[in-house]
């Protein structure tokens, strides 16, 4: 698997799911469980970073009276 820095959101999420399954289903030593928990925590931070960057990139350029205005994207109900 790619380095954590090179992983996309889907890859990170899949790895987190794998770690969760191992922690829930396998008989692991305390040390193994702690190592997986640490890895999961780092991957969770990476997911959050990816989502924050995506949120920053989701902007809408609006043409208002000939001026370009940048607004944050908000979903409509």
Protein backbone atom coordinates (compact mmCIF):
# COMPACT_ATOMS: atom_id res chain seq x y z
CA UNK A 1 0.00 0.00 0.00
CA UNK A 2 1.11 3.60 -0.64
CA UNK A 3 2.67 5.80 2.00
CA UNK A 4 0.15 7.59 4.19
CA UNK A 5 1.12 10.93 2.61
CA UNK A 6 0.32 9.63 -0.89
CA UNK A 7 -2.97 7.92 -0.02
CA UNK A 8 -6.27 9.37 -1.20
CA UNK A 9 -9.35 9.61 0.99
CA UNK A 10 -10.80 6.29 -0.17
CA UNK A 11 -7.54 4.44 0.50
CA UNK A 12 -7.24 5.93 3.98
CA UNK A 13 -10.86 5.10 4.77
CA UNK A 14 -10.39 1.50 3.57
CA UNK A 15 -7.30 1.11 5.76
CA UNK A 16 -9.23 2.49 8.75
CA UNK A 17 -12.00 -0.03 8.10
CA UNK A 18 -9.42 -2.84 7.98
CA UNK A 19 -7.93 -1.72 11.28
CA UNK A 20 -11.38 -1.51 12.88
CA UNK A 21 -12.22 -5.02 11.72
CA UNK A 22 -8.95 -6.38 13.12
CA UNK A 23 -9.51 -4.68 16.47
CA UNK A 24 -13.08 -5.99 16.67
CA UNK A 25 -12.61 -9.55 15.42
CA UNK A 26 -9.07 -10.73 16.05
CA UNK A 27 -7.49 -11.84 19.29
CA UNK A 28 -4.62 -9.41 19.53
CA UNK A 29 -2.10 -8.77 22.22
CA UNK A 30 -2.30 -5.47 24.03
CA UNK A 31 0.80 -4.27 22.18
CA UNK A 32 -0.69 -5.19 18.78
CA UNK A 33 -3.95 -3.47 19.67
CA UNK A 34 -2.18 -0.30 20.78
CA UNK A 35 -0.09 -0.22 17.58
CA UNK A 36 -3.23 -0.59 15.44
CA UNK A 37 -4.98 2.08 17.49
CA UNK A 38 -2.04 4.45 16.96
CA UNK A 39 -2.06 3.76 13.23
CA UNK A 40 -5.81 4.33 13.12
CA UNK A 41 -5.45 7.63 14.93
CA UNK A 42 -2.87 8.83 12.40
CA UNK A 43 -5.07 7.71 9.51
CA UNK A 44 -8.04 9.49 11.06
CA UNK A 45 -5.98 12.70 11.17
CA UNK A 46 -5.10 12.17 7.50
CA UNK A 47 -8.80 11.76 6.61
CA UNK A 48 -9.61 14.96 8.45
CA UNK A 49 -6.79 16.79 6.65
CA UNK A 50 -8.02 15.57 3.25
CA UNK A 51 -11.59 16.64 4.05
CA UNK A 52 -10.48 20.07 5.28
CA UNK A 53 -8.46 20.62 2.10
CA UNK A 54 -11.41 19.56 -0.05
CA UNK A 55 -13.69 21.94 1.83
CA UNK A 56 -11.26 24.79 1.17
CA UNK A 57 -11.19 23.95 -2.53
CA UNK A 58 -14.97 23.81 -2.87
CA UNK A 59 -15.67 27.39 -3.75
CA UNK A 60 -17.98 28.96 -6.24
CA UNK A 61 -16.94 31.87 -8.40
CA UNK A 62 -19.84 34.21 -8.91
CA UNK A 63 -19.90 36.99 -11.44
CA UNK A 64 -21.51 39.93 -9.68
CA UNK A 65 -21.68 43.22 -11.66
CA UNK A 66 -18.55 42.30 -13.58
CA UNK A 67 -16.61 41.53 -10.42
CA UNK A 68 -15.55 38.03 -9.57
CA UNK A 69 -16.52 37.06 -6.06
CA UNK A 70 -15.43 33.87 -4.34
CA UNK A 71 -17.89 32.31 -1.90
CA UNK A 72 -17.78 29.14 0.10
CA UNK A 73 -19.95 26.33 -1.14
CA UNK A 74 -23.10 25.72 0.87
CA UNK A 75 -25.58 22.99 0.11
CA UNK A 76 -29.13 24.02 -0.56
CA UNK A 77 -32.00 22.22 1.15
